[in-house]
N, C-alpha and C. Protein backbone atom coordinates (compact mmCIF):
# COMPACT_ATOMS: atom_id res chain seq x y z
N MET A 1 0.85 -1.19 0.00
CA MET A 1 0.00 0.00 0.00
C MET A 1 0.89 1.25 0.00
N PRO A 2 0.53 2.29 -0.77
CA PRO A 2 1.31 3.53 -0.78
C PRO A 2 1.50 4.07 0.63
N LEU A 3 2.63 4.70 0.87
CA LEU A 3 3.03 5.15 2.19
C LEU A 3 2.01 6.05 2.86
N PHE A 4 1.48 7.04 2.12
CA PHE A 4 0.60 8.04 2.72
C PHE A 4 -0.89 7.72 2.60
N ARG A 5 -1.23 6.69 1.85
CA ARG A 5 -2.63 6.37 1.63
C ARG A 5 -3.31 5.96 2.94
N ASN A 6 -4.54 6.42 3.12
CA ASN A 6 -5.34 6.10 4.30
C ASN A 6 -4.79 6.72 5.58
N ALA A 7 -4.03 7.82 5.45
CA ALA A 7 -3.60 8.55 6.65
C ALA A 7 -4.83 9.05 7.39
N THR A 8 -4.76 9.07 8.70
CA THR A 8 -5.89 9.50 9.53
C THR A 8 -5.47 10.63 10.47
N PHE A 9 -6.38 11.58 10.66
CA PHE A 9 -6.10 12.70 11.55
C PHE A 9 -5.93 12.21 12.98
N GLU A 10 -4.91 12.77 13.67
CA GLU A 10 -4.67 12.37 15.05
C GLU A 10 -4.87 13.51 16.04
N ILE A 11 -4.21 14.66 15.82
CA ILE A 11 -4.34 15.77 16.76
C ILE A 11 -3.88 17.07 16.11
N SER A 12 -4.42 18.19 16.57
CA SER A 12 -3.96 19.52 16.18
C SER A 12 -3.48 20.23 17.43
N ILE A 13 -2.39 20.99 17.31
CA ILE A 13 -1.91 21.75 18.46
C ILE A 13 -1.64 23.19 18.03
N ALA A 14 -1.89 24.13 18.96
CA ALA A 14 -1.73 25.54 18.67
C ALA A 14 -0.55 26.15 19.42
N LYS A 15 -0.04 25.44 20.44
CA LYS A 15 1.07 25.94 21.24
C LYS A 15 2.11 24.84 21.43
N PRO A 16 3.38 25.21 21.57
CA PRO A 16 4.42 24.18 21.77
C PRO A 16 4.12 23.28 22.95
N SER A 17 3.48 23.82 23.98
CA SER A 17 3.17 23.01 25.16
C SER A 17 2.17 21.90 24.86
N GLY A 18 1.47 22.02 23.71
CA GLY A 18 0.49 21.00 23.36
C GLY A 18 1.05 19.85 22.55
N LEU A 19 2.35 19.88 22.23
CA LEU A 19 2.93 18.80 21.44
C LEU A 19 2.76 17.46 22.16
N PRO A 20 2.26 16.44 21.46
CA PRO A 20 2.06 15.14 22.10
C PRO A 20 3.39 14.42 22.30
N PRO A 21 3.45 13.46 23.21
CA PRO A 21 4.67 12.67 23.37
C PRO A 21 4.99 11.96 22.06
N PRO A 22 6.26 11.84 21.69
CA PRO A 22 6.63 11.14 20.46
C PRO A 22 6.08 9.72 20.45
N SER A 23 5.52 9.32 19.31
CA SER A 23 4.95 7.97 19.21
C SER A 23 5.17 7.42 17.81
N GLY A 24 6.34 7.64 17.25
CA GLY A 24 6.65 7.17 15.91
C GLY A 24 7.46 8.22 15.16
N ALA A 25 8.12 7.80 14.10
CA ALA A 25 8.89 8.72 13.27
C ALA A 25 7.96 9.77 12.67
N GLU A 26 8.44 11.02 12.57
CA GLU A 26 7.61 12.11 12.06
C GLU A 26 8.25 12.76 10.84
N ILE A 27 7.45 12.98 9.79
CA ILE A 27 7.88 13.66 8.58
C ILE A 27 7.11 14.96 8.50
N ALA A 28 7.80 16.10 8.57
CA ALA A 28 7.14 17.40 8.57
C ALA A 28 7.00 17.94 7.15
N PHE A 29 5.89 18.61 6.89
CA PHE A 29 5.64 19.30 5.63
C PHE A 29 5.54 20.79 5.93
N ALA A 30 6.35 21.59 5.25
CA ALA A 30 6.35 23.04 5.45
C ALA A 30 6.40 23.74 4.10
N GLY A 31 6.03 25.01 4.10
CA GLY A 31 6.09 25.76 2.85
C GLY A 31 5.47 27.13 2.98
N ARG A 32 5.80 27.98 2.04
CA ARG A 32 5.22 29.31 2.00
C ARG A 32 3.71 29.19 1.76
N SER A 33 2.95 30.09 2.37
CA SER A 33 1.50 30.08 2.18
C SER A 33 1.16 30.17 0.69
N ASN A 34 0.19 29.38 0.27
CA ASN A 34 -0.28 29.33 -1.11
C ASN A 34 0.69 28.66 -2.07
N ALA A 35 1.63 27.88 -1.52
CA ALA A 35 2.55 27.14 -2.39
C ALA A 35 1.99 25.78 -2.80
N GLY A 36 0.84 25.39 -2.22
CA GLY A 36 0.22 24.13 -2.59
C GLY A 36 0.48 23.00 -1.63
N LYS A 37 0.81 23.32 -0.36
CA LYS A 37 1.14 22.28 0.61
C LYS A 37 -0.05 21.38 0.91
N SER A 38 -1.19 21.97 1.22
CA SER A 38 -2.36 21.16 1.56
C SER A 38 -2.80 20.28 0.40
N SER A 39 -2.76 20.82 -0.80
CA SER A 39 -3.12 20.03 -1.98
C SER A 39 -2.16 18.87 -2.18
N ALA A 40 -0.88 19.10 -1.94
CA ALA A 40 0.12 18.03 -2.08
C ALA A 40 -0.15 16.92 -1.06
N ILE A 41 -0.43 17.30 0.18
CA ILE A 41 -0.71 16.30 1.21
C ILE A 41 -1.95 15.50 0.85
N ASN A 42 -3.00 16.17 0.41
CA ASN A 42 -4.22 15.47 0.01
C ASN A 42 -3.98 14.50 -1.14
N THR A 43 -3.17 14.92 -2.11
CA THR A 43 -2.86 14.06 -3.25
C THR A 43 -2.09 12.83 -2.81
N LEU A 44 -1.10 13.02 -1.96
CA LEU A 44 -0.31 11.88 -1.48
C LEU A 44 -1.17 10.91 -0.68
N ALA A 45 -2.10 11.46 0.10
CA ALA A 45 -2.94 10.61 0.95
C ALA A 45 -4.12 10.02 0.20
N GLY A 46 -4.38 10.50 -1.03
CA GLY A 46 -5.55 10.03 -1.76
C GLY A 46 -6.83 10.43 -1.08
N HIS A 47 -6.83 11.62 -0.48
CA HIS A 47 -7.98 12.09 0.29
C HIS A 47 -8.25 13.53 -0.11
N VAL A 48 -9.49 13.85 -0.42
CA VAL A 48 -9.83 15.18 -0.93
C VAL A 48 -9.61 16.27 0.10
N ARG A 49 -9.94 15.99 1.36
CA ARG A 49 -9.88 17.05 2.39
C ARG A 49 -9.16 16.60 3.65
N LEU A 50 -8.11 15.78 3.52
CA LEU A 50 -7.35 15.41 4.71
C LEU A 50 -6.72 16.67 5.31
N ALA A 51 -6.00 17.42 4.47
CA ALA A 51 -5.47 18.72 4.88
C ALA A 51 -6.36 19.79 4.27
N TYR A 52 -6.73 20.78 5.04
CA TYR A 52 -7.69 21.79 4.58
C TYR A 52 -7.06 22.67 3.51
N VAL A 53 -7.74 22.81 2.37
CA VAL A 53 -7.29 23.68 1.28
C VAL A 53 -8.15 24.93 1.31
N SER A 54 -7.52 26.07 1.61
CA SER A 54 -8.25 27.33 1.73
C SER A 54 -7.93 28.25 0.57
N LYS A 55 -8.92 29.04 0.17
CA LYS A 55 -8.69 30.05 -0.85
C LYS A 55 -7.98 31.26 -0.24
N THR A 56 -7.90 31.29 1.08
CA THR A 56 -7.22 32.38 1.76
C THR A 56 -5.89 31.87 2.30
N PRO A 57 -4.75 32.25 1.70
CA PRO A 57 -3.45 31.82 2.21
C PRO A 57 -3.27 32.22 3.66
N GLY A 58 -2.58 31.38 4.42
CA GLY A 58 -2.34 31.70 5.81
C GLY A 58 -3.44 31.25 6.74
N ARG A 59 -4.42 30.50 6.23
CA ARG A 59 -5.56 30.07 7.05
C ARG A 59 -5.14 29.02 8.09
N THR A 60 -4.23 28.13 7.72
CA THR A 60 -3.81 27.07 8.63
C THR A 60 -2.97 27.66 9.75
N GLN A 61 -3.44 27.55 10.98
CA GLN A 61 -2.75 28.16 12.11
C GLN A 61 -2.27 27.13 13.13
N LEU A 62 -2.42 25.86 12.82
CA LEU A 62 -2.11 24.80 13.76
C LEU A 62 -1.08 23.84 13.18
N ILE A 63 -0.42 23.09 14.04
CA ILE A 63 0.35 21.93 13.60
C ILE A 63 -0.60 20.74 13.66
N ASN A 64 -0.79 20.08 12.52
CA ASN A 64 -1.71 18.95 12.42
C ASN A 64 -0.93 17.65 12.24
N PHE A 65 -1.26 16.66 13.03
CA PHE A 65 -0.61 15.35 12.99
C PHE A 65 -1.54 14.34 12.34
N PHE A 66 -1.02 13.57 11.37
CA PHE A 66 -1.78 12.52 10.71
C PHE A 66 -1.01 11.21 10.82
N ARG A 67 -1.69 10.16 11.26
CA ARG A 67 -1.06 8.86 11.45
C ARG A 67 -1.07 8.07 10.16
N LEU A 68 0.08 7.51 9.79
CA LEU A 68 0.19 6.66 8.62
C LEU A 68 0.00 5.20 9.03
N ASN A 69 -0.27 4.35 8.06
CA ASN A 69 -0.54 2.95 8.35
C ASN A 69 0.64 2.24 9.02
N ASN A 70 1.86 2.70 8.72
CA ASN A 70 3.03 2.02 9.28
C ASN A 70 3.41 2.54 10.66
N GLY A 71 2.63 3.45 11.21
CA GLY A 71 2.90 3.98 12.55
C GLY A 71 3.61 5.31 12.55
N ALA A 72 4.17 5.73 11.42
CA ALA A 72 4.81 7.03 11.35
C ALA A 72 3.75 8.13 11.30
N LEU A 73 4.20 9.38 11.40
CA LEU A 73 3.28 10.51 11.40
C LEU A 73 3.67 11.53 10.34
N LEU A 74 2.67 12.03 9.61
CA LEU A 74 2.84 13.16 8.72
C LEU A 74 2.45 14.39 9.52
N VAL A 75 3.33 15.39 9.57
CA VAL A 75 3.09 16.57 10.39
C VAL A 75 2.99 17.80 9.48
N ASP A 76 1.81 18.38 9.44
CA ASP A 76 1.52 19.53 8.58
C ASP A 76 1.74 20.81 9.38
N LEU A 77 2.79 21.58 9.01
CA LEU A 77 3.12 22.82 9.72
C LEU A 77 2.40 24.01 9.10
N PRO A 78 2.14 25.07 9.88
CA PRO A 78 1.49 26.26 9.33
C PRO A 78 2.32 26.85 8.19
N GLY A 79 1.64 27.37 7.15
CA GLY A 79 2.33 28.04 6.07
C GLY A 79 2.97 29.33 6.57
N TYR A 80 4.07 29.73 5.95
CA TYR A 80 4.75 30.94 6.40
C TYR A 80 4.78 32.00 5.29
N GLY A 81 4.92 33.25 5.70
CA GLY A 81 5.18 34.31 4.75
C GLY A 81 3.98 35.05 4.19
N TYR A 82 2.77 34.82 4.71
CA TYR A 82 1.61 35.53 4.15
C TYR A 82 1.49 36.89 4.82
N ALA A 83 1.68 37.97 4.05
CA ALA A 83 1.79 39.32 4.59
C ALA A 83 0.52 39.82 5.27
N ALA A 84 -0.65 39.34 4.84
CA ALA A 84 -1.91 39.86 5.38
C ALA A 84 -2.20 39.36 6.79
N VAL A 85 -1.45 38.38 7.25
CA VAL A 85 -1.65 37.87 8.61
C VAL A 85 -1.07 38.89 9.60
N PRO A 86 -1.79 39.23 10.66
CA PRO A 86 -1.28 40.19 11.64
C PRO A 86 0.07 39.76 12.21
N GLU A 87 0.90 40.75 12.52
CA GLU A 87 2.26 40.47 13.00
C GLU A 87 2.26 39.57 14.23
N LYS A 88 1.31 39.77 15.14
CA LYS A 88 1.25 38.95 16.34
C LYS A 88 1.04 37.48 15.99
N ILE A 89 0.18 37.23 15.01
CA ILE A 89 -0.09 35.85 14.59
C ILE A 89 1.13 35.27 13.90
N ARG A 90 1.80 36.07 13.06
CA ARG A 90 3.00 35.58 12.38
C ARG A 90 4.07 35.18 13.39
N ARG A 91 4.23 35.97 14.43
CA ARG A 91 5.22 35.63 15.46
C ARG A 91 4.83 34.34 16.18
N GLN A 92 3.52 34.18 16.41
CA GLN A 92 3.04 32.97 17.08
C GLN A 92 3.32 31.74 16.22
N TRP A 93 3.02 31.85 14.91
CA TRP A 93 3.29 30.73 14.01
C TRP A 93 4.78 30.42 13.96
N SER A 94 5.59 31.48 13.84
CA SER A 94 7.03 31.30 13.74
C SER A 94 7.58 30.58 14.96
N GLY A 95 7.09 30.98 16.15
CA GLY A 95 7.53 30.33 17.37
C GLY A 95 7.11 28.88 17.43
N LEU A 96 5.90 28.60 16.96
CA LEU A 96 5.39 27.23 16.96
C LEU A 96 6.22 26.34 16.03
N ILE A 97 6.48 26.84 14.81
CA ILE A 97 7.27 26.08 13.84
C ILE A 97 8.69 25.89 14.36
N GLU A 98 9.28 26.98 14.88
CA GLU A 98 10.67 26.91 15.35
C GLU A 98 10.82 25.91 16.47
N THR A 99 9.91 25.95 17.44
CA THR A 99 10.00 25.03 18.57
C THR A 99 9.91 23.58 18.09
N TYR A 100 8.96 23.33 17.19
CA TYR A 100 8.81 21.96 16.69
C TYR A 100 10.07 21.50 15.95
N LEU A 101 10.53 22.29 14.98
CA LEU A 101 11.67 21.86 14.17
C LEU A 101 12.97 21.79 14.98
N ARG A 102 13.10 22.62 15.99
CA ARG A 102 14.32 22.66 16.78
C ARG A 102 14.41 21.54 17.81
N THR A 103 13.27 21.19 18.39
CA THR A 103 13.31 20.34 19.59
C THR A 103 12.71 18.95 19.41
N ARG A 104 12.03 18.71 18.30
CA ARG A 104 11.30 17.44 18.17
C ARG A 104 12.25 16.30 17.82
N GLU A 105 12.54 15.44 18.75
CA GLU A 105 13.51 14.37 18.54
C GLU A 105 13.00 13.30 17.59
N SER A 106 11.68 13.15 17.48
CA SER A 106 11.13 12.12 16.59
C SER A 106 11.01 12.59 15.14
N LEU A 107 11.37 13.85 14.86
CA LEU A 107 11.36 14.37 13.50
C LEU A 107 12.53 13.78 12.72
N ILE A 108 12.24 13.13 11.58
CA ILE A 108 13.31 12.50 10.81
C ILE A 108 13.64 13.23 9.51
N GLY A 109 12.79 14.16 9.09
CA GLY A 109 13.07 14.86 7.84
C GLY A 109 11.98 15.87 7.52
N LEU A 110 12.30 16.77 6.58
CA LEU A 110 11.39 17.85 6.20
C LEU A 110 11.09 17.80 4.71
N VAL A 111 9.81 17.86 4.37
CA VAL A 111 9.38 18.04 2.98
C VAL A 111 9.04 19.51 2.82
N LEU A 112 9.80 20.21 1.99
CA LEU A 112 9.62 21.65 1.80
C LEU A 112 8.90 21.91 0.49
N ILE A 113 7.76 22.57 0.57
CA ILE A 113 6.92 22.83 -0.59
C ILE A 113 7.24 24.20 -1.18
N MET A 114 7.52 24.23 -2.48
CA MET A 114 7.73 25.49 -3.19
C MET A 114 6.89 25.49 -4.46
N ASP A 115 6.30 26.63 -4.78
CA ASP A 115 5.61 26.81 -6.04
C ASP A 115 6.66 26.82 -7.15
N SER A 116 6.55 25.91 -8.10
CA SER A 116 7.56 25.80 -9.15
C SER A 116 7.69 27.06 -9.99
N ARG A 117 6.66 27.91 -9.96
CA ARG A 117 6.73 29.16 -10.72
C ARG A 117 7.48 30.25 -9.96
N HIS A 118 7.64 30.05 -8.64
CA HIS A 118 8.32 31.04 -7.80
C HIS A 118 9.17 30.32 -6.75
N PRO A 119 10.16 29.54 -7.17
CA PRO A 119 10.95 28.78 -6.20
C PRO A 119 12.02 29.63 -5.53
N LEU A 120 12.51 29.12 -4.41
CA LEU A 120 13.63 29.73 -3.70
C LEU A 120 13.43 31.21 -3.39
N THR A 121 12.25 31.52 -2.86
CA THR A 121 12.03 32.88 -2.37
C THR A 121 12.93 33.11 -1.16
N PRO A 122 13.14 34.35 -0.75
CA PRO A 122 13.96 34.59 0.44
C PRO A 122 13.48 33.81 1.66
N LEU A 123 12.16 33.67 1.83
CA LEU A 123 11.65 32.91 2.97
C LEU A 123 11.97 31.43 2.84
N ASP A 124 11.92 30.89 1.61
CA ASP A 124 12.29 29.49 1.40
C ASP A 124 13.77 29.29 1.72
N ARG A 125 14.60 30.21 1.27
CA ARG A 125 16.04 30.11 1.53
C ARG A 125 16.32 30.21 3.02
N ASN A 126 15.58 31.06 3.72
CA ASN A 126 15.75 31.14 5.17
C ASN A 126 15.43 29.81 5.84
N MET A 127 14.34 29.18 5.41
CA MET A 127 13.96 27.89 5.98
C MET A 127 15.04 26.84 5.70
N ILE A 128 15.54 26.82 4.47
CA ILE A 128 16.59 25.86 4.11
C ILE A 128 17.85 26.09 4.95
N ASP A 129 18.28 27.34 5.03
CA ASP A 129 19.49 27.66 5.79
C ASP A 129 19.31 27.36 7.27
N TRP A 130 18.09 27.52 7.74
CA TRP A 130 17.81 27.29 9.16
C TRP A 130 17.75 25.81 9.49
N PHE A 131 17.17 25.02 8.58
CA PHE A 131 16.97 23.59 8.87
C PHE A 131 18.18 22.73 8.53
N ALA A 132 18.91 23.09 7.48
CA ALA A 132 20.00 22.24 6.99
C ALA A 132 21.03 21.85 8.06
N PRO A 133 21.42 22.76 8.95
CA PRO A 133 22.42 22.37 9.96
C PRO A 133 21.96 21.28 10.91
N SER A 134 20.67 20.94 10.92
CA SER A 134 20.20 19.87 11.79
C SER A 134 20.74 18.51 11.36
N GLY A 135 21.17 18.43 10.08
CA GLY A 135 21.68 17.16 9.56
C GLY A 135 20.61 16.22 9.06
N ARG A 136 19.35 16.57 9.25
CA ARG A 136 18.27 15.72 8.78
C ARG A 136 18.05 15.95 7.28
N PRO A 137 17.49 14.96 6.57
CA PRO A 137 17.24 15.13 5.13
C PRO A 137 16.09 16.09 4.87
N MET A 138 16.14 16.70 3.68
CA MET A 138 15.10 17.61 3.24
C MET A 138 14.77 17.28 1.79
N HIS A 139 13.48 17.17 1.48
CA HIS A 139 13.04 16.88 0.12
C HIS A 139 12.17 18.04 -0.34
N VAL A 140 12.55 18.67 -1.45
CA VAL A 140 11.84 19.83 -1.97
C VAL A 140 10.86 19.39 -3.04
N LEU A 141 9.58 19.75 -2.85
CA LEU A 141 8.56 19.50 -3.87
C LEU A 141 8.28 20.79 -4.61
N LEU A 142 8.56 20.82 -5.91
CA LEU A 142 8.24 21.97 -6.75
C LEU A 142 6.83 21.75 -7.28
N THR A 143 5.85 22.29 -6.57
CA THR A 143 4.45 22.03 -6.87
C THR A 143 3.94 22.88 -8.04
N LYS A 144 2.73 22.55 -8.47
CA LYS A 144 2.04 23.26 -9.56
C LYS A 144 2.86 23.22 -10.85
N SER A 145 3.61 22.13 -11.04
CA SER A 145 4.45 22.02 -12.23
C SER A 145 3.62 21.94 -13.51
N ASP A 146 2.32 21.60 -13.36
CA ASP A 146 1.44 21.56 -14.53
C ASP A 146 1.19 22.96 -15.10
N LYS A 147 1.51 23.99 -14.32
CA LYS A 147 1.33 25.36 -14.79
C LYS A 147 2.46 25.80 -15.72
N LEU A 148 3.52 25.00 -15.80
CA LEU A 148 4.67 25.31 -16.64
C LEU A 148 4.71 24.38 -17.84
N SER A 149 5.34 24.83 -18.91
CA SER A 149 5.58 23.94 -20.04
C SER A 149 6.60 22.88 -19.61
N ARG A 150 6.69 21.80 -20.36
CA ARG A 150 7.63 20.75 -20.00
C ARG A 150 9.05 21.27 -19.94
N GLY A 151 9.42 22.11 -20.91
CA GLY A 151 10.77 22.66 -20.94
C GLY A 151 11.04 23.59 -19.77
N ALA A 152 10.07 24.45 -19.45
CA ALA A 152 10.24 25.38 -18.34
C ALA A 152 10.32 24.64 -17.01
N ALA A 153 9.51 23.59 -16.86
CA ALA A 153 9.53 22.80 -15.63
C ALA A 153 10.89 22.13 -15.45
N ALA A 154 11.43 21.54 -16.54
CA ALA A 154 12.73 20.89 -16.47
C ALA A 154 13.83 21.89 -16.13
N ALA A 155 13.74 23.08 -16.72
CA ALA A 155 14.75 24.11 -16.45
C ALA A 155 14.69 24.56 -14.99
N THR A 156 13.47 24.70 -14.45
CA THR A 156 13.31 25.09 -13.05
C THR A 156 13.88 24.04 -12.13
N LEU A 157 13.61 22.78 -12.43
CA LEU A 157 14.14 21.68 -11.62
C LEU A 157 15.66 21.72 -11.57
N GLN A 158 16.30 21.89 -12.73
CA GLN A 158 17.75 21.94 -12.77
C GLN A 158 18.30 23.16 -12.04
N GLU A 159 17.60 24.28 -12.17
CA GLU A 159 18.04 25.51 -11.50
C GLU A 159 18.03 25.34 -9.98
N VAL A 160 16.95 24.77 -9.45
CA VAL A 160 16.85 24.58 -8.01
C VAL A 160 17.85 23.54 -7.53
N ARG A 161 18.04 22.47 -8.29
CA ARG A 161 19.03 21.46 -7.91
C ARG A 161 20.44 22.05 -7.87
N ARG A 162 20.77 22.88 -8.84
CA ARG A 162 22.09 23.51 -8.84
C ARG A 162 22.26 24.44 -7.64
N ALA A 163 21.20 25.19 -7.32
CA ALA A 163 21.27 26.12 -6.20
C ALA A 163 21.47 25.41 -4.87
N LEU A 164 20.89 24.21 -4.73
CA LEU A 164 20.97 23.47 -3.47
C LEU A 164 22.07 22.41 -3.46
N GLU A 165 22.77 22.27 -4.55
CA GLU A 165 23.82 21.26 -4.65
C GLU A 165 24.88 21.36 -3.56
N PRO A 166 25.27 22.58 -3.12
CA PRO A 166 26.28 22.66 -2.06
C PRO A 166 25.88 21.96 -0.76
N LEU A 167 24.59 21.73 -0.56
CA LEU A 167 24.13 21.05 0.66
C LEU A 167 24.32 19.55 0.59
N GLY A 168 24.68 19.04 -0.60
CA GLY A 168 24.96 17.62 -0.75
C GLY A 168 23.72 16.75 -0.81
N PRO A 169 23.90 15.45 -0.61
CA PRO A 169 22.79 14.50 -0.75
C PRO A 169 21.73 14.62 0.33
N GLN A 170 21.97 15.44 1.33
CA GLN A 170 20.97 15.68 2.37
C GLN A 170 19.69 16.28 1.78
N VAL A 171 19.83 17.01 0.67
CA VAL A 171 18.69 17.69 0.05
C VAL A 171 18.40 17.12 -1.33
N SER A 172 17.15 16.79 -1.60
CA SER A 172 16.73 16.30 -2.91
C SER A 172 15.57 17.16 -3.41
N VAL A 173 15.38 17.16 -4.73
CA VAL A 173 14.39 18.06 -5.34
C VAL A 173 13.63 17.30 -6.43
N GLN A 174 12.33 17.57 -6.56
CA GLN A 174 11.55 16.97 -7.63
C GLN A 174 10.40 17.88 -8.04
N LEU A 175 9.85 17.64 -9.22
CA LEU A 175 8.63 18.31 -9.68
C LEU A 175 7.43 17.55 -9.15
N PHE A 176 6.32 18.28 -8.94
CA PHE A 176 5.11 17.66 -8.41
C PHE A 176 3.89 18.42 -8.91
N SER A 177 2.83 17.69 -9.22
CA SER A 177 1.57 18.31 -9.62
C SER A 177 0.42 17.61 -8.93
N SER A 178 -0.29 18.34 -8.09
CA SER A 178 -1.49 17.78 -7.45
C SER A 178 -2.60 17.58 -8.47
N LEU A 179 -2.69 18.49 -9.43
CA LEU A 179 -3.75 18.41 -10.43
C LEU A 179 -3.61 17.14 -11.27
N LYS A 180 -2.39 16.87 -11.73
CA LYS A 180 -2.16 15.70 -12.58
C LYS A 180 -1.69 14.48 -11.80
N LYS A 181 -1.52 14.68 -10.49
CA LYS A 181 -1.06 13.60 -9.61
C LYS A 181 0.26 13.01 -10.10
N SER A 182 1.13 13.86 -10.58
CA SER A 182 2.44 13.42 -11.04
C SER A 182 3.49 13.69 -9.97
N GLY A 183 4.43 12.77 -9.83
CA GLY A 183 5.49 12.89 -8.85
C GLY A 183 5.22 12.15 -7.56
N VAL A 184 4.05 11.51 -7.45
CA VAL A 184 3.69 10.83 -6.20
C VAL A 184 4.64 9.68 -5.89
N GLU A 185 4.95 8.86 -6.89
CA GLU A 185 5.82 7.70 -6.65
C GLU A 185 7.21 8.12 -6.20
N GLU A 186 7.71 9.22 -6.74
CA GLU A 186 9.04 9.68 -6.33
C GLU A 186 9.05 10.13 -4.88
N VAL A 187 7.99 10.83 -4.47
CA VAL A 187 7.89 11.22 -3.06
C VAL A 187 7.88 9.98 -2.17
N GLU A 188 7.08 9.01 -2.54
CA GLU A 188 6.98 7.76 -1.77
C GLU A 188 8.35 7.10 -1.63
N ARG A 189 9.09 7.08 -2.71
CA ARG A 189 10.40 6.42 -2.70
C ARG A 189 11.39 7.15 -1.79
N VAL A 190 11.41 8.47 -1.88
CA VAL A 190 12.34 9.25 -1.07
C VAL A 190 12.01 9.16 0.41
N ILE A 191 10.75 9.43 0.75
CA ILE A 191 10.36 9.41 2.16
C ILE A 191 10.44 8.00 2.74
N GLY A 192 10.10 7.01 1.92
CA GLY A 192 10.23 5.63 2.37
C GLY A 192 11.66 5.31 2.76
N GLY A 193 12.62 5.89 2.03
CA GLY A 193 14.02 5.68 2.35
C GLY A 193 14.41 6.27 3.69
N TRP A 194 13.77 7.38 4.07
CA TRP A 194 14.06 7.96 5.38
C TRP A 194 13.61 7.06 6.52
N LEU A 195 12.58 6.28 6.27
CA LEU A 195 11.97 5.47 7.32
C LEU A 195 12.68 4.15 7.57
N VAL A 196 13.73 3.88 6.81
CA VAL A 196 14.51 2.66 6.99
C VAL A 196 15.79 3.02 7.72
N PRO A 197 16.02 2.51 8.93
CA PRO A 197 17.23 2.83 9.67
C PRO A 197 18.47 2.43 8.87
N PRO A 198 19.55 3.24 8.89
CA PRO A 198 20.77 2.91 8.15
C PRO A 198 21.29 1.52 8.52
N GLY A 199 21.55 0.72 7.50
CA GLY A 199 22.11 -0.61 7.71
C GLY A 199 21.10 -1.67 8.11
N ALA A 200 19.84 -1.26 8.31
CA ALA A 200 18.83 -2.23 8.73
C ALA A 200 18.30 -3.00 7.53
N ALA A 201 17.94 -4.23 7.75
CA ALA A 201 17.33 -5.02 6.68
C ALA A 201 15.93 -4.50 6.42
N SER A 202 15.49 -4.56 5.18
CA SER A 202 14.16 -4.05 4.84
C SER A 202 13.06 -4.99 5.26
N GLU A 203 13.43 -6.22 5.59
CA GLU A 203 12.42 -7.17 6.03
C GLU A 203 12.86 -7.84 7.31
N ASP A 204 11.91 -8.21 8.11
CA ASP A 204 12.24 -8.93 9.34
C ASP A 204 12.39 -10.42 9.04
N ALA A 205 12.62 -11.21 10.08
CA ALA A 205 12.89 -12.63 9.88
C ALA A 205 11.74 -13.35 9.23
N ALA A 206 10.53 -12.85 9.40
CA ALA A 206 9.36 -13.50 8.82
C ALA A 206 9.12 -13.05 7.39
N GLY A 207 9.96 -12.11 6.90
CA GLY A 207 9.79 -11.64 5.54
C GLY A 207 8.80 -10.51 5.42
N THR A 208 8.41 -9.93 6.56
CA THR A 208 7.45 -8.83 6.55
C THR A 208 8.19 -7.52 6.70
N PRO A 209 7.90 -6.50 5.86
CA PRO A 209 8.58 -5.22 6.00
C PRO A 209 8.43 -4.68 7.42
N ALA A 210 9.53 -4.16 7.97
CA ALA A 210 9.49 -3.64 9.33
C ALA A 210 8.65 -2.38 9.38
N ALA A 211 7.94 -2.19 10.47
CA ALA A 211 7.12 -0.98 10.65
C ALA A 211 8.02 0.19 10.97
N ALA A 212 7.91 1.26 10.21
CA ALA A 212 8.81 2.40 10.36
C ALA A 212 8.70 3.03 11.73
N GLY A 213 7.50 3.15 12.23
CA GLY A 213 7.32 3.81 13.52
C GLY A 213 7.96 3.02 14.64
N ASP A 214 8.10 1.70 14.49
CA ASP A 214 8.68 0.87 15.53
C ASP A 214 10.19 0.76 15.37
N ALA A 215 10.65 0.72 14.10
CA ALA A 215 12.05 0.39 13.86
C ALA A 215 12.98 1.57 14.00
N LEU A 216 12.51 2.79 13.78
CA LEU A 216 13.41 3.93 13.70
C LEU A 216 13.64 4.55 15.05
N PRO A 217 14.90 4.69 15.47
CA PRO A 217 15.18 5.37 16.73
C PRO A 217 14.96 6.85 16.57
N ALA A 218 14.73 7.56 17.68
CA ALA A 218 14.51 9.00 17.62
C ALA A 218 15.76 9.70 17.13
N ALA A 219 15.56 10.70 16.24
CA ALA A 219 16.68 11.45 15.70
C ALA A 219 17.23 12.39 16.76
N LYS A 220 18.55 12.64 16.71
CA LYS A 220 19.17 13.57 17.61
C LYS A 220 19.11 14.97 17.01
N THR A 221 18.83 15.94 17.85
CA THR A 221 18.65 17.30 17.37
C THR A 221 19.93 18.09 17.48
N LYS A 222 20.33 18.68 16.37
CA LYS A 222 21.41 19.66 16.37
C LYS A 222 20.76 20.97 15.97
N ALA A 223 20.73 21.92 16.89
CA ALA A 223 19.94 23.13 16.68
C ALA A 223 20.43 23.91 15.47
N PRO A 224 19.52 24.28 14.56
CA PRO A 224 19.88 25.15 13.45
C PRO A 224 20.38 26.49 13.96
N ASP A 225 21.07 27.22 13.09
CA ASP A 225 21.70 28.46 13.50
C ASP A 225 20.79 29.65 13.50
N GLN A 226 19.70 29.61 12.76
CA GLN A 226 18.86 30.80 12.67
C GLN A 226 17.41 30.43 12.49
N GLY A 227 16.52 31.36 12.83
CA GLY A 227 15.09 31.13 12.70
C GLY A 227 14.57 31.55 11.35
N THR A 228 13.25 31.28 11.12
CA THR A 228 12.65 31.61 9.83
C THR A 228 12.36 33.08 9.74
């Protein structure tokens, strides 16, 4: 079964104090408001409204946890960078995201959503520079690729890969379209690789794939150097 299919809502939290005790490996999804994060999550999960898709960017104000079939968790972080949100709310979101990304030991990697028509904005670069020193992997989804011609999409992909190449294999990049449901298998392959402990066999003695939430030890946190 696909990794994200049949994900179920578990909990929403509005303050760092509300974070639940770790109970499985966690994959965080982050991105600039209106970059297509909720649509990407819904496409991966095969669910129309698992993550709320709003016509008003910046609507998502909570960290939402969704349980995957293998015991891991998909963690939907609030979108960042929407100017119309009051400064007090932006600071609250920033603190919530920062606390989670800095201190969550069960976080194993970040999926960063960028609009393929406007990649690597200053806010995206801030997030990359802030998260990269943690040593955890980061996978960039260039969403809305259906809005570009095939040639323009390929050029954008190469441009972003070249820009992030100095970070090494820790960072990977791909095109993605929620409308055409393209790129889903690549996401599954990359994230699935994060859920396998280094050097561990992919199957247990009975020949059954190991459950990611049970097999993966908690990641160690190395605090990033700067905030978003």
